[in-house]
Amino acid sequence: MKIATFNINGIKARQKALTDWLTEAQPDVALLQEIKSVDQAFPREVFEDMGYNVETHGQKSFNGVAILSKLPLEDVTRGLPRDNSDEQARWIEATVVGKTAIRICGLYLPNGNPVELQEDGAPVEGGKYAYKLAWMERLRDRAQELLDSEMPSLMAGDYNIIPQAEDAKRPDAWRQDALFRPESRAAFRRILNLGFTEAFRALTRGPGHYSFWDYQAGAWQKDDGIRIDHFLLSPQCADLLVDCKIDRGIRGREKPSDHVPVWVELDA
């Protein structure tokens, strides 16, 4: 089973780029972020004609996540638990049934910028950075529930987290950014340390591996990238891991997203 995550940065702007990549890469499942579309406006027929079941959790102009699956989807749920007042469309999950049933969670973690801090260093309540860290605490709770279920499961998407200095071409430029601040990275580690495997780093070491290049300042041409799109696998899912790669060449195509797809292959 080949499962991909791809922040497409707008389904309207990136439909052709997405369908071209799906045709070439042939993932069984694709988790999409930043579809920037309400559910009713998502071009589901395009992907159904390609053989995909389509589930969306959309929002007008911002955020939005989706699952495209050639395999049956069961028990689809939308929205990260533990905050009914949160209206941002950043989480979708479903059980994908192949040779093995796997719980697949697609996420678009808050960016968190600008970072607003009080004099004591705590995030300003109601600010974007406070929202990011609170969202990550909710994510940790859901991650623990997934582990407790003992079902093979994964959480994949745009985490907006640079885990280590080697995951950025110029780490010093990101020190005060919400993606690389110590509080953000510590929150990410607390989730990992519950018992998850970060698929890409389980198989590939060293610097120079990125999944995002900004549109500004010739970042792609300079390979000035960061790695912020991740797969976290439960122990039962990690046992099925065969491969994990970044399709970086997609960034050099016409009208690309600023992210590229990342995918895992599972023996499932």
C-alpha atoms as a PDB file:
ATOM      1  CA  MET A   1       0.000   0.000   0.000  1.00  0.00           C
ATOM      2  CA  LYS A   2       1.449   3.331  -1.089  1.00  0.00           C
ATOM      3  CA  ILE A   3       0.262   6.292   0.989  1.00  0.00           C
ATOM      4  CA  ALA A   4       1.238   9.874   0.190  1.00  0.00           C
ATOM      5  CA  THR A   5       0.853  13.258   1.835  1.00  0.00           C
ATOM      6  CA  PHE A   6       0.790  16.423  -0.255  1.00  0.00           C
ATOM      7  CA  ASN A   7       0.103  20.030   0.742  1.00  0.00           C
ATOM      8  CA  ILE A   8      -1.258  21.223  -2.596  1.00  0.00           C
ATOM      9  CA  ASN A   9      -1.720  24.904  -1.657  1.00  0.00           C
ATOM     10  CA  GLY A  10      -5.119  25.278  -3.287  1.00  0.00           C
ATOM     11  CA  ILE A  11      -7.042  22.677  -5.281  1.00  0.00           C
ATOM     12  CA  LYS A  12      -8.259  25.280  -7.769  1.00  0.00           C
ATOM     13  CA  ALA A  13      -4.731  26.427  -8.609  1.00  0.00           C
ATOM     14  CA  ARG A  14      -3.123  22.986  -8.414  1.00  0.00           C
ATOM     15  CA  GLN A  15      -5.663  20.577  -9.890  1.00  0.00           C
ATOM     16  CA  LYS A  16      -3.610  19.758 -12.996  1.00  0.00           C
ATOM     17  CA  ALA A  17      -0.371  19.470 -11.038  1.00  0.00           C
ATOM     18  CA  LEU A  18      -2.112  17.094  -8.637  1.00  0.00           C
ATOM     19  CA  THR A  19      -3.753  14.913 -11.280  1.00  0.00           C
ATOM     20  CA  ASP A  20      -0.492  14.694 -13.241  1.00  0.00           C
ATOM     21  CA  TRP A  21       1.351  13.543 -10.141  1.00  0.00           C
ATOM     22  CA  LEU A  22      -1.358  11.040  -9.171  1.00  0.00           C
ATOM     23  CA  THR A  23      -1.215   9.547 -12.664  1.00  0.00           C
ATOM     24  CA  GLU A  24       2.556   9.132 -12.451  1.00  0.00           C
ATOM     25  CA  ALA A  25       2.981   8.121  -8.802  1.00  0.00           C
ATOM     26  CA  GLN A  26      -0.175   5.981  -8.495  1.00  0.00           C
ATOM     27  CA  PRO A  27      -0.562   6.171  -4.705  1.00  0.00           C
ATOM     28  CA  ASP A  28      -3.291   3.998  -3.248  1.00  0.00           C
ATOM     29  CA  VAL A  29      -4.061   6.779  -0.776  1.00  0.00           C
ATOM     30  CA  ALA A  30      -3.275  10.502  -0.910  1.00  0.00           C
ATOM     31  CA  LEU A  31      -3.722  12.795   2.079  1.00  0.00           C
ATOM     32  CA  LEU A  32      -4.101  16.395   0.941  1.00  0.00           C
ATOM     33  CA  GLN A  33      -3.682  19.633   2.886  1.00  0.00           C
ATOM     34  CA  GLU A  34      -4.602  23.243   2.134  1.00  0.00           C
ATOM     35  CA  ILE A  35      -7.297  22.349  -0.364  1.00  0.00           C
ATOM     36  CA  LYS A  36      -8.695  25.862   0.350  1.00  0.00           C
ATOM     37  CA  SER A  37     -12.177  24.816  -0.715  1.00  0.00           C
ATOM     38  CA  VAL A  38     -15.525  24.101   0.868  1.00  0.00           C
ATOM     39  CA  ASP A  39     -16.623  20.497   0.505  1.00  0.00           C
ATOM     40  CA  GLN A  40     -19.266  21.291  -2.111  1.00  0.00           C
ATOM     41  CA  ALA A  41     -16.752  23.041  -4.399  1.00  0.00           C
ATOM     42  CA  PHE A  42     -14.080  20.329  -4.292  1.00  0.00           C
ATOM     43  CA  PRO A  43     -13.793  18.712  -7.770  1.00  0.00           C
ATOM     44  CA  ARG A  44     -14.451  15.220  -6.458  1.00  0.00           C
ATOM     45  CA  GLU A  45     -15.654  13.874  -9.825  1.00  0.00           C
ATOM     46  CA  VAL A  46     -12.192  14.440 -11.308  1.00  0.00           C
ATOM     47  CA  PHE A  47     -10.644  12.118  -8.741  1.00  0.00           C
ATOM     48  CA  GLU A  48     -13.513   9.645  -8.683  1.00  0.00           C
ATOM     49  CA  ASP A  49     -12.970   9.234 -12.422  1.00  0.00           C
ATOM     50  CA  MET A  50      -9.364   8.333 -11.600  1.00  0.00           C
ATOM     51  CA  GLY A  51     -10.593   5.553  -9.316  1.00  0.00           C
ATOM     52  CA  TYR A  52     -10.398   7.336  -5.965  1.00  0.00           C
ATOM     53  CA  ASN A  53     -12.911   7.456  -3.156  1.00  0.00           C
ATOM     54  CA  VAL A  54     -12.990  11.082  -1.962  1.00  0.00           C
ATOM     55  CA  GLU A  55     -13.524  12.430   1.562  1.00  0.00           C
ATOM     56  CA  THR A  56     -13.013  16.104   2.395  1.00  0.00           C
ATOM     57  CA  HIS A  57     -13.061  18.402   5.389  1.00  0.00           C
ATOM     58  CA  GLY A  58     -13.051  21.802   3.733  1.00  0.00           C
ATOM     59  CA  GLN A  59     -13.094  25.465   4.623  1.00  0.00           C
ATOM     60  CA  LYS A  60     -13.566  28.507   2.402  1.00  0.00           C
ATOM     61  CA  SER A  61     -10.265  30.034   1.185  1.00  0.00           C
ATOM     62  CA  PHE A  62      -8.139  28.563   4.008  1.00  0.00           C
ATOM     63  CA  ASN A  63      -6.897  25.234   5.371  1.00  0.00           C
ATOM     64  CA  GLY A  64      -8.880  22.142   4.390  1.00  0.00           C
ATOM     65  CA  VAL A  65      -7.836  18.490   4.255  1.00  0.00           C
ATOM     66  CA  ALA A  66      -8.897  15.521   2.144  1.00  0.00           C
ATOM     67  CA  ILE A  67      -8.379  11.804   1.628  1.00  0.00           C
ATOM     68  CA  LEU A  68      -8.252  10.216  -1.826  1.00  0.00           C
ATOM     69  CA  SER A  69      -8.248   6.418  -1.671  1.00  0.00           C
ATOM     70  CA  LYS A  70      -8.453   3.644  -4.248  1.00  0.00           C
ATOM     71  CA  LEU A  71      -9.224   1.327  -1.346  1.00  0.00           C
ATOM     72  CA  PRO A  72     -12.419   1.291   0.717  1.00  0.00           C
ATOM     73  CA  LEU A  73     -12.694   3.928   3.456  1.00  0.00           C
ATOM     74  CA  GLU A  74     -14.547   3.222   6.686  1.00  0.00           C
ATOM     75  CA  ASP A  75     -15.423   5.225   9.809  1.00  0.00           C
ATOM     76  CA  VAL A  76     -14.470   8.642   8.415  1.00  0.00           C
ATOM     77  CA  THR A  77     -14.251  11.385  11.053  1.00  0.00           C
ATOM     78  CA  ARG A  78     -13.467  15.084  10.732  1.00  0.00           C
ATOM     79  CA  GLY A  79     -11.908  17.520  13.173  1.00  0.00           C
ATOM     80  CA  LEU A  80      -9.304  16.970  15.884  1.00  0.00           C
ATOM     81  CA  PRO A  81     -11.078  16.031  19.135  1.00  0.00           C
ATOM     82  CA  ARG A  82     -11.181  18.005  22.393  1.00  0.00           C
ATOM     83  CA  ASP A  83     -12.176  21.458  21.180  1.00  0.00           C
ATOM     84  CA  ASN A  84     -15.657  21.718  19.711  1.00  0.00           C
ATOM     85  CA  SER A  85     -15.184  25.460  19.221  1.00  0.00           C
ATOM     86  CA  ASP A  86     -12.292  24.976  16.786  1.00  0.00           C
ATOM     87  CA  GLU A  87     -13.676  25.754  13.331  1.00  0.00           C
ATOM     88  CA  GLN A  88     -10.422  25.359  11.400  1.00  0.00           C
ATOM     89  CA  ALA A  89     -10.465  22.381   9.018  1.00  0.00           C
ATOM     90  CA  ARG A  90      -7.157  20.684   9.809  1.00  0.00           C
ATOM     91  CA  TRP A  91      -7.848  17.016  10.575  1.00  0.00           C
ATOM     92  CA  ILE A  92      -9.483  14.042   8.846  1.00  0.00           C
ATOM     93  CA  GLU A  93      -9.143  10.335   9.538  1.00  0.00           C
ATOM     94  CA  ALA A  94     -10.484   7.048   8.227  1.00  0.00           C
ATOM     95  CA  THR A  95      -9.778   3.343   8.231  1.00  0.00           C
ATOM     96  CA  VAL A  96      -8.319   2.158   4.920  1.00  0.00           C
ATOM     97  CA  VAL A  97      -8.885  -1.502   4.198  1.00  0.00           C
ATOM     98  CA  GLY A  98      -6.274  -3.272   2.128  1.00  0.00           C
ATOM     99  CA  LYS A  99      -4.487  -6.490   3.012  1.00  0.00           C
ATOM    100  CA  THR A 100      -4.454  -4.945   6.488  1.00  0.00           C
ATOM    101  CA  ALA A 101      -6.807  -2.346   7.938  1.00  0.00           C
ATOM    102  CA  ILE A 102      -4.937   0.857   8.814  1.00  0.00           C
ATOM    103  CA  ARG A 103      -6.187   3.962  10.613  1.00  0.00           C
ATOM    104  CA  ILE A 104      -4.972   6.915   8.555  1.00  0.00           C
ATOM    105  CA  CYS A 105      -5.025  10.465   9.900  1.00  0.00           C
ATOM    106  CA  GLY A 106      -4.364  13.438   7.643  1.00  0.00           C
ATOM    107  CA  LEU A 107      -3.400  16.702   9.304  1.00  0.00           C
ATOM    108  CA  TYR A 108      -2.503  20.303   8.598  1.00  0.00           C
ATOM    109  CA  LEU A 109      -0.858  21.535  11.774  1.00  0.00           C
ATOM    110  CA  PRO A 110      -1.109  25.294  12.487  1.00  0.00           C
ATOM    111  CA  ASN A 111       1.811  27.429  11.325  1.00  0.00           C
ATOM    112  CA  GLY A 112       1.923  29.502  14.514  1.00  0.00           C
ATOM    113  CA  ASN A 113       3.401  32.720  13.153  1.00  0.00           C
ATOM    114  CA  PRO A 114       3.700  35.447  14.224  1.00  0.00           C
ATOM    115  CA  VAL A 115       5.134  34.254  17.529  1.00  0.00           C
ATOM    116  CA  GLU A 116       3.706  36.478  20.255  1.00  0.00           C
ATOM    117  CA  LEU A 117       5.205  36.004  23.715  1.00  0.00           C
ATOM    118  CA  GLN A 118       4.585  37.510  27.136  1.00  0.00           C
ATOM    119  CA  GLU A 119       7.434  38.929  29.228  1.00  0.00           C
ATOM    120  CA  ASP A 120       7.835  35.557  30.936  1.00  0.00           C
ATOM    121  CA  GLY A 121       8.226  33.842  27.546  1.00  0.00           C
ATOM    122  CA  ALA A 122       4.799  32.197  27.562  1.00  0.00           C
ATOM    123  CA  PRO A 123       2.725  32.458  24.372  1.00  0.00           C
ATOM    124  CA  VAL A 124       0.172  35.265  24.356  1.00  0.00           C
ATOM    125  CA  GLU A 125      -3.258  33.773  24.976  1.00  0.00           C
ATOM    126  CA  GLY A 126      -5.407  33.878  21.873  1.00  0.00           C
ATOM    127  CA  GLY A 127      -2.388  34.287  19.593  1.00  0.00           C
ATOM    128  CA  LYS A 128      -1.446  32.069  16.690  1.00  0.00           C
ATOM    129  CA  TYR A 129       1.509  30.518  18.514  1.00  0.00           C
ATOM    130  CA  ALA A 130      -0.624  29.647  21.530  1.00  0.00           C
ATOM    131  CA  TYR A 131      -3.134  28.030  19.161  1.00  0.00           C
ATOM    132  CA  LYS A 132      -0.371  25.952  17.524  1.00  0.00           C
ATOM    133  CA  LEU A 133       0.905  24.620  20.855  1.00  0.00           C
ATOM    134  CA  ALA A 134      -2.610  23.931  22.165  1.00  0.00           C
ATOM    135  CA  TRP A 135      -3.438  22.089  18.935  1.00  0.00           C
ATOM    136  CA  MET A 136      -0.327  19.960  19.395  1.00  0.00           C
ATOM    137  CA  GLU A 137      -1.452  19.013  22.895  1.00  0.00           C
ATOM    138  CA  ARG A 138      -4.758  17.855  21.448  1.00  0.00           C
ATOM    139  CA  LEU A 139      -2.815  15.967  18.780  1.00  0.00           C
ATOM    140  CA  ARG A 140      -0.801  14.241  21.488  1.00  0.00           C
ATOM    141  CA  ASP A 141      -4.011  13.116  23.190  1.00  0.00           C
ATOM    142  CA  ARG A 142      -5.361  11.681  19.945  1.00  0.00           C
ATOM    143  CA  ALA A 143      -1.995  10.043  19.250  1.00  0.00           C
ATOM    144  CA  GLN A 144      -2.152   8.285  22.604  1.00  0.00           C
ATOM    145  CA  GLU A 145      -5.643   7.003  21.799  1.00  0.00           C
ATOM    146  CA  LEU A 146      -4.373   5.605  18.512  1.00  0.00           C
ATOM    147  CA  LEU A 147      -1.594   3.788  20.332  1.00  0.00           C
ATOM    148  CA  ASP A 148      -4.005   2.460  22.932  1.00  0.00           C
ATOM    149  CA  SER A 149      -6.162   0.964  20.160  1.00  0.00           C
ATOM    150  CA  GLU A 150      -3.182  -1.194  19.059  1.00  0.00           C
ATOM    151  CA  MET A 151      -4.440  -0.897  15.487  1.00  0.00           C
ATOM    152  CA  PRO A 152      -1.851  -0.092  12.797  1.00  0.00           C
ATOM    153  CA  SER A 153      -2.160   3.673  12.438  1.00  0.00           C
ATOM    154  CA  LEU A 154      -0.351   6.690  11.067  1.00  0.00           C
ATOM    155  CA  MET A 155      -0.580  10.470  11.253  1.00  0.00           C
ATOM    156  CA  ALA A 156       0.690  12.250   8.162  1.00  0.00           C
ATOM    157  CA  GLY A 157       0.637  15.705   6.673  1.00  0.00           C
ATOM    158  CA  ASP A 158       2.101  19.177   6.878  1.00  0.00           C
ATOM    159  CA  TYR A 159       3.253  19.405  10.491  1.00  0.00           C
ATOM    160  CA  ASN A 160       4.791  22.869  10.116  1.00  0.00           C
ATOM    161  CA  ILE A 161       7.626  21.558  12.308  1.00  0.00           C
ATOM    162  CA  ILE A 162      11.325  21.453  11.436  1.00  0.00           C
ATOM    163  CA  PRO A 163      12.402  18.615  13.758  1.00  0.00           C
ATOM    164  CA  GLN A 164      16.190  19.096  13.668  1.00  0.00           C
ATOM    165  CA  ALA A 165      18.748  21.584  12.343  1.00  0.00           C
ATOM    166  CA  GLU A 166      19.639  19.169   9.540  1.00  0.00           C
ATOM    167  CA  ASP A 167      16.069  19.527   8.268  1.00  0.00           C
ATOM    168  CA  ALA A 168      16.740  23.103   7.098  1.00  0.00           C
ATOM    169  CA  LYS A 169      19.290  24.433   4.619  1.00  0.00           C
ATOM    170  CA  ARG A 170      19.790  27.510   6.852  1.00  0.00           C
ATOM    171  CA  PRO A 171      18.671  26.547  10.363  1.00  0.00           C
ATOM    172  CA  ASP A 172      19.837  29.820  11.913  1.00  0.00           C
ATOM    173  CA  ALA A 173      17.323  31.705   9.767  1.00  0.00           C
ATOM    174  CA  TRP A 174      14.497  29.767  11.449  1.00  0.00           C
ATOM    175  CA  ARG A 175      15.536  29.987  15.127  1.00  0.00           C
ATOM    176  CA  GLN A 176      12.743  32.366  16.151  1.00  0.00           C
ATOM    177  CA  ASP A 177      10.161  31.030  13.709  1.00  0.00           C
ATOM    178  CA  ALA A 178       7.199  29.035  15.067  1.00  0.00           C
ATOM    179  CA  LEU A 179       8.283  26.076  12.917  1.00  0.00           C
ATOM    180  CA  PHE A 180      11.633  25.735  14.674  1.00  0.00           C
ATOM    181  CA  ARG A 181      11.266  27.335  18.104  1.00  0.00           C
ATOM    182  CA  PRO A 182      12.244  24.986  20.963  1.00  0.00           C
ATOM    183  CA  GLU A 183       8.684  24.828  22.300  1.00  0.00           C
ATOM    184  CA  SER A 184       7.400  23.613  18.928  1.00  0.00           C
ATOM    185  CA  ARG A 185      10.089  21.004  18.532  1.00  0.00           C
ATOM    186  CA  ALA A 186       9.619  19.807  22.122  1.00  0.00           C
ATOM    187  CA  ALA A 187       5.891  19.370  21.518  1.00  0.00           C
ATOM    188  CA  PHE A 188       6.680  17.323  18.405  1.00  0.00           C
ATOM    189  CA  ARG A 189       9.134  15.163  20.372  1.00  0.00           C
ATOM    190  CA  ARG A 190       6.546  14.544  23.088  1.00  0.00           C
ATOM    191  CA  ILE A 191       4.288  13.035  20.436  1.00  0.00           C
ATOM    192  CA  LEU A 192       7.086  10.987  18.870  1.00  0.00           C
ATOM    193  CA  ASN A 193       8.230   9.748  22.259  1.00  0.00           C
ATOM    194  CA  LEU A 194       4.857   8.160  22.934  1.00  0.00           C
ATOM    195  CA  GLY A 195       6.127   5.411  20.666  1.00  0.00           C
ATOM    196  CA  PHE A 196       5.806   6.626  17.072  1.00  0.00           C
ATOM    197  CA  THR A 197       8.332   6.151  14.277  1.00  0.00           C
ATOM    198  CA  GLU A 198       9.114   9.089  11.984  1.00  0.00           C
ATOM    199  CA  ALA A 199       9.127   7.132   8.734  1.00  0.00           C
ATOM    200  CA  PHE A 200      11.542   9.195   6.649  1.00  0.00           C
ATOM    201  CA  ARG A 201      14.240   9.393   9.319  1.00  0.00           C
ATOM    202  CA  ALA A 202      13.863   5.704  10.080  1.00  0.00           C
ATOM    203  CA  LEU A 203      15.240   5.041   6.595  1.00  0.00           C
ATOM    204  CA  THR A 204      17.242   8.128   5.554  1.00  0.00           C
ATOM    205  CA  ARG A 205      19.889  10.048   7.510  1.00  0.00           C
ATOM    206  CA  GLY A 206      21.768  13.275   6.959  1.00  0.00           C
ATOM    207  CA  PRO A 207      21.010  16.797   5.716  1.00  0.00           C
ATOM    208  CA  GLY A 208      19.746  18.005   2.352  1.00  0.00           C
ATOM    209  CA  HIS A 209      16.292  16.396   2.401  1.00  0.00           C
ATOM    210  CA  TYR A 210      13.485  18.943   2.147  1.00  0.00           C
ATOM    211  CA  SER A 211       9.751  18.967   1.388  1.00  0.00           C
ATOM    212  CA  PHE A 212       9.086  22.735   1.209  1.00  0.00           C
ATOM    213  CA  TRP A 213      10.733  25.603  -0.656  1.00  0.00           C
ATOM    214  CA  ASP A 214       9.278  29.109  -0.343  1.00  0.00           C
ATOM    215  CA  TYR A 215       8.147  30.930  -3.474  1.00  0.00           C
ATOM    216  CA  GLN A 216      10.283  33.929  -2.450  1.00  0.00           C
ATOM    217  CA  ALA A 217      13.963  34.761  -2.969  1.00  0.00           C
ATOM    218  CA  GLY A 218      14.700  31.904  -5.368  1.00  0.00           C
ATOM    219  CA  ALA A 219      14.477  29.311  -2.600  1.00  0.00           C
ATOM    220  CA  TRP A 220      13.956  26.397  -5.002  1.00  0.00           C
ATOM    221  CA  GLN A 221      16.826  27.438  -7.259  1.00  0.00           C
ATOM    222  CA  LYS A 222      19.106  27.736  -4.208  1.00  0.00           C
ATOM    223  CA  ASP A 223      17.745  24.518  -2.661  1.00  0.00           C
ATOM    224  CA  ASP A 224      16.936  26.655   0.384  1.00  0.00           C
ATOM    225  CA  GLY A 225      14.383  24.226   1.771  1.00  0.00           C
ATOM    226  CA  ILE A 226      12.997  22.759   4.965  1.00  0.00           C
ATOM    227  CA  ARG A 227      11.487  19.371   5.813  1.00  0.00           C
ATOM    228  CA  ILE A 228       8.092  19.870   7.473  1.00  0.00           C
ATOM    229  CA  ASP A 229       5.886  17.111   5.957  1.00  0.00           C
ATOM    230  CA  HIS A 230       6.063  13.955   8.037  1.00  0.00           C
ATOM    231  CA  PHE A 231       4.699  10.445   8.574  1.00  0.00           C
ATOM    232  CA  LEU A 232       4.404   9.246  12.161  1.00  0.00           C
ATOM    233  CA  LEU A 233       3.733   5.506  12.408  1.00  0.00           C
ATOM    234  CA  SER A 234       2.444   3.510  15.360  1.00  0.00           C
ATOM    235  CA  PRO A 235       4.568   0.466  16.296  1.00  0.00           C
ATOM    236  CA  GLN A 236       2.159  -1.881  14.507  1.00  0.00           C
ATOM    237  CA  CYS A 237       2.322   0.322  11.398  1.00  0.00           C
ATOM    238  CA  ALA A 238       6.105   0.784  11.601  1.00  0.00           C
ATOM    239  CA  ASP A 239       6.442  -3.007  11.400  1.00  0.00           C
ATOM    240  CA  LEU A 240       4.887  -2.750   7.920  1.00  0.00           C
ATOM    241  CA  LEU A 241       7.194   0.017   6.643  1.00  0.00           C
ATOM    242  CA  VAL A 242       8.972  -0.811   3.376  1.00  0.00           C
ATOM    243  CA  ASP A 243      10.039   2.611   2.059  1.00  0.00           C
ATOM    244  CA  CYS A 244       9.598   6.362   2.453  1.00  0.00           C
ATOM    245  CA  LYS A 245      10.622   8.962  -0.113  1.00  0.00           C
ATOM    246  CA  ILE A 246      10.222  12.650  -0.984  1.00  0.00           C
ATOM    247  CA  ASP A 247       9.197  13.430  -4.594  1.00  0.00           C
ATOM    248  CA  ARG A 248      11.265  16.619  -4.696  1.00  0.00           C
ATOM    249  CA  GLY A 249      11.328  17.015  -8.468  1.00  0.00           C
ATOM    250  CA  ILE A 250       7.658  18.039  -8.461  1.00  0.00           C
ATOM    251  CA  ARG A 251       8.697  21.438  -7.079  1.00  0.00           C
ATOM    252  CA  GLY A 252      10.441  22.331 -10.349  1.00  0.00           C
ATOM    253  CA  ARG A 253       7.345  21.923 -12.501  1.00  0.00           C
ATOM    254  CA  GLU A 254       4.959  24.547 -13.849  1.00  0.00           C
ATOM    255  CA  LYS A 255       2.697  26.221 -11.250  1.00  0.00           C
ATOM    256  CA  PRO A 256       3.910  23.976  -8.411  1.00  0.00           C
ATOM    257  CA  SER A 257       2.848  23.933  -4.805  1.00  0.00           C
ATOM    258  CA  ASP A 258       5.539  25.156  -2.425  1.00  0.00           C
ATOM    259  CA  HIS A 259       5.425  21.637  -0.913  1.00  0.00           C
ATOM    260  CA  VAL A 260       6.148  18.322  -2.608  1.00  0.00           C
ATOM    261  CA  PRO A 261       4.643  14.885  -1.955  1.00  0.00           C
ATOM    262  CA  VAL A 262       6.098  12.526   0.633  1.00  0.00           C
ATOM    263  CA  TRP A 263       5.078   8.891   0.551  1.00  0.00           C
ATOM    264  CA  VAL A 264       5.439   5.620   2.390  1.00  0.00           C
ATOM    265  CA  GLU A 265       5.095   2.094   1.115  1.00  0.00           C
ATOM    266  CA  LEU A 266       3.635  -0.368   3.593  1.00  0.00           C
ATOM    267  CA  ASP A 267       3.381  -4.153   3.406  1.00  0.00           C
ATOM    268  CA  ALA A 268      -0.367  -3.852   3.882  1.00  0.00           C
END
